Amino acid sequence: MAASDHSNTRREPTLRKQAAILPATDEPQHIVLASVLELSGVRRKRAITATLAGKASGENVVFVTDDLDFSPFVKQRLYYEYLPPLGQQALHAHHGPWDQYLVKRLRILIDKWAPVRILSPGTPFERYVEKARQ
């Protein structure tokens, strides 16, 4: 082969197979969604402890809170989601009906986590939305 033939030959880069960032699992996740809405301080800590004690083997609890103190969840490496407290309705009234926002947000959480059951040691989700309508 002539030297000029080699200069036109391009080597294609080899692609290395990388591990998936979030590998799929064959095991279904057994998620329990637990409302600790409108609980704070000692009452919330007790509700977290009781919920964890009552979960079945293989279940993972996702706590839904309206308190900005996430330390009880972070310290125990627990899953949690945040909903704004009802007292913030007035701050966001110009964005539209608060209850509709909460319903949409809760639907997203339920779709996201696909819980096998929902617990309410705090205010039940339905009641939280009802309070927003008042």
Protein backbone atom coordinates (compact mmCIF):
# COMPACT_ATOMS: atom_id res chain seq x y z
CA MET A 1 0.00 0.00 0.00
CA ALA A 2 1.29 3.43 -0.87
CA ALA A 3 1.92 6.04 1.82
CA SER A 4 -0.87 8.18 0.43
CA ASP A 5 -3.34 5.31 0.99
CA HIS A 6 -2.60 5.30 4.72
CA SER A 7 -3.14 9.02 5.11
CA ASN A 8 -6.76 8.68 3.96
CA THR A 9 -7.55 5.82 6.33
CA ARG A 10 -9.38 7.01 9.44
CA ARG A 11 -9.58 4.93 12.53
CA GLU A 12 -12.98 4.96 14.10
CA PRO A 13 -12.87 5.58 17.83
CA THR A 14 -13.68 2.53 19.86
CA LEU A 15 -16.61 2.99 22.18
CA ARG A 16 -16.28 1.48 25.58
CA LYS A 17 -19.41 0.14 27.18
CA GLN A 18 -20.09 2.08 30.36
CA ALA A 19 -22.11 0.97 33.31
CA ALA A 20 -25.55 2.54 33.54
CA ILE A 21 -25.77 5.49 35.87
CA LEU A 22 -29.04 4.17 37.28
CA PRO A 23 -29.07 0.48 36.47
CA ALA A 24 -32.45 -1.16 36.15
CA THR A 25 -33.29 -3.64 38.83
CA ASP A 26 -35.30 -6.80 38.49
CA GLU A 27 -36.54 -6.39 42.03
CA PRO A 28 -39.62 -4.19 42.39
CA GLN A 29 -39.26 -1.41 44.92
CA HIS A 30 -41.78 -1.64 47.73
CA ILE A 31 -42.31 2.02 48.55
CA VAL A 32 -44.48 3.32 51.35
CA LEU A 33 -45.43 6.99 51.09
CA ALA A 34 -45.84 8.46 54.58
CA SER A 35 -47.32 11.87 55.29
CA VAL A 36 -45.68 13.74 58.15
CA LEU A 37 -47.40 16.92 57.00
CA GLU A 38 -48.10 19.51 59.71
CA LEU A 39 -45.87 17.69 62.19
CA SER A 40 -42.71 19.23 63.56
CA GLY A 41 -40.22 18.73 66.32
CA VAL A 42 -40.80 15.84 68.70
CA ARG A 43 -44.13 14.87 67.13
CA ARG A 44 -42.51 14.45 63.73
CA LYS A 45 -39.56 12.48 65.16
CA ARG A 46 -41.98 10.13 66.91
CA ALA A 47 -44.00 9.67 63.72
CA ILE A 48 -40.82 8.86 61.76
CA THR A 49 -39.70 6.34 64.38
CA ALA A 50 -43.12 4.67 64.55
CA THR A 51 -43.42 4.50 60.76
CA LEU A 52 -39.99 2.91 60.39
CA ALA A 53 -40.76 0.43 63.18
CA GLY A 54 -44.02 -0.58 61.49
CA LYS A 55 -42.72 -1.06 57.96
CA ALA A 56 -42.53 -4.54 56.51
CA SER A 57 -39.24 -6.15 55.55
CA GLY A 58 -38.16 -4.93 52.12
CA GLU A 59 -40.22 -1.75 52.25
CA ASN A 60 -38.65 1.68 51.81
CA VAL A 61 -40.43 4.68 53.28
CA VAL A 62 -40.61 8.04 51.52
CA PHE A 63 -41.70 10.73 53.95
CA VAL A 64 -43.64 13.77 52.70
CA THR A 65 -43.02 16.83 54.86
CA ASP A 66 -43.92 20.50 54.87
CA ASP A 67 -41.17 21.38 57.35
CA LEU A 68 -37.90 22.79 56.00
CA ASP A 69 -35.90 21.03 58.71
CA PHE A 70 -34.78 17.98 56.75
CA SER A 71 -32.20 16.93 59.36
CA PRO A 72 -34.24 13.99 60.78
CA PHE A 73 -34.32 12.47 57.28
CA VAL A 74 -30.74 13.33 56.35
CA LYS A 75 -29.28 11.98 59.61
CA GLN A 76 -30.99 8.63 59.08
CA ARG A 77 -30.43 8.61 55.30
CA LEU A 78 -34.17 8.44 54.64
CA TYR A 79 -36.04 9.37 51.49
CA TYR A 80 -38.19 12.48 51.73
CA GLU A 81 -40.20 14.89 49.60
CA TYR A 82 -41.22 18.44 50.41
CA LEU A 83 -44.56 20.18 49.98
CA PRO A 84 -44.84 23.86 50.87
CA PRO A 85 -46.73 24.52 54.11
CA LEU A 86 -50.31 25.72 53.89
CA GLY A 87 -49.27 29.01 55.49
CA GLN A 88 -47.44 29.91 52.28
CA GLN A 89 -50.65 30.00 50.23
CA ALA A 90 -50.89 33.77 50.44
CA LEU A 91 -47.32 34.17 49.11
CA HIS A 92 -48.15 32.14 46.00
CA ALA A 93 -51.80 33.08 45.45
CA HIS A 94 -50.96 34.90 42.21
CA HIS A 95 -49.84 31.57 40.66
CA GLY A 96 -53.31 30.07 40.81
CA PRO A 97 -55.39 27.86 43.09
CA TRP A 98 -53.20 26.31 45.79
CA ASP A 99 -55.32 23.17 46.12
CA GLN A 100 -54.89 22.40 42.41
CA TYR A 101 -51.14 22.80 42.74
CA LEU A 102 -51.08 20.38 45.68
CA VAL A 103 -53.18 17.82 43.81
CA LYS A 104 -50.82 17.98 40.82
CA ARG A 105 -47.77 17.73 43.06
CA LEU A 106 -49.20 14.74 44.94
CA ARG A 107 -50.03 13.00 41.66
CA ILE A 108 -46.43 13.51 40.55
CA LEU A 109 -45.16 12.00 43.81
CA ILE A 110 -47.47 9.01 43.50
CA ASP A 111 -46.45 8.46 39.87
CA LYS A 112 -42.79 8.89 40.74
CA TRP A 113 -42.67 6.53 43.71
CA ALA A 114 -45.53 4.13 42.82
CA PRO A 115 -46.18 3.32 46.48
CA VAL A 116 -47.61 -0.02 47.54
CA ARG A 117 -49.35 1.81 50.38
CA ILE A 118 -49.80 5.25 51.85
CA LEU A 119 -49.61 6.02 55.57
CA SER A 120 -50.72 9.14 57.39
CA PRO A 121 -49.02 9.61 60.74
CA GLY A 122 -49.32 13.31 59.89
CA THR A 123 -52.17 15.05 58.10
CA PRO A 124 -53.56 12.76 55.37
CA PHE A 125 -52.97 14.03 51.85
CA GLU A 126 -56.70 14.41 51.16
CA ARG A 127 -57.16 16.49 54.32
CA TYR A 128 -54.15 18.64 53.44
CA VAL A 129 -55.74 19.49 50.09
CA GLU A 130 -59.11 20.15 51.78
CA LYS A 131 -57.42 22.59 54.17
CA ALA A 132 -55.95 24.41 51.16
CA ARG A 133 -59.50 24.86 49.77
CA GLN A 134 -60.73 26.55 52.95
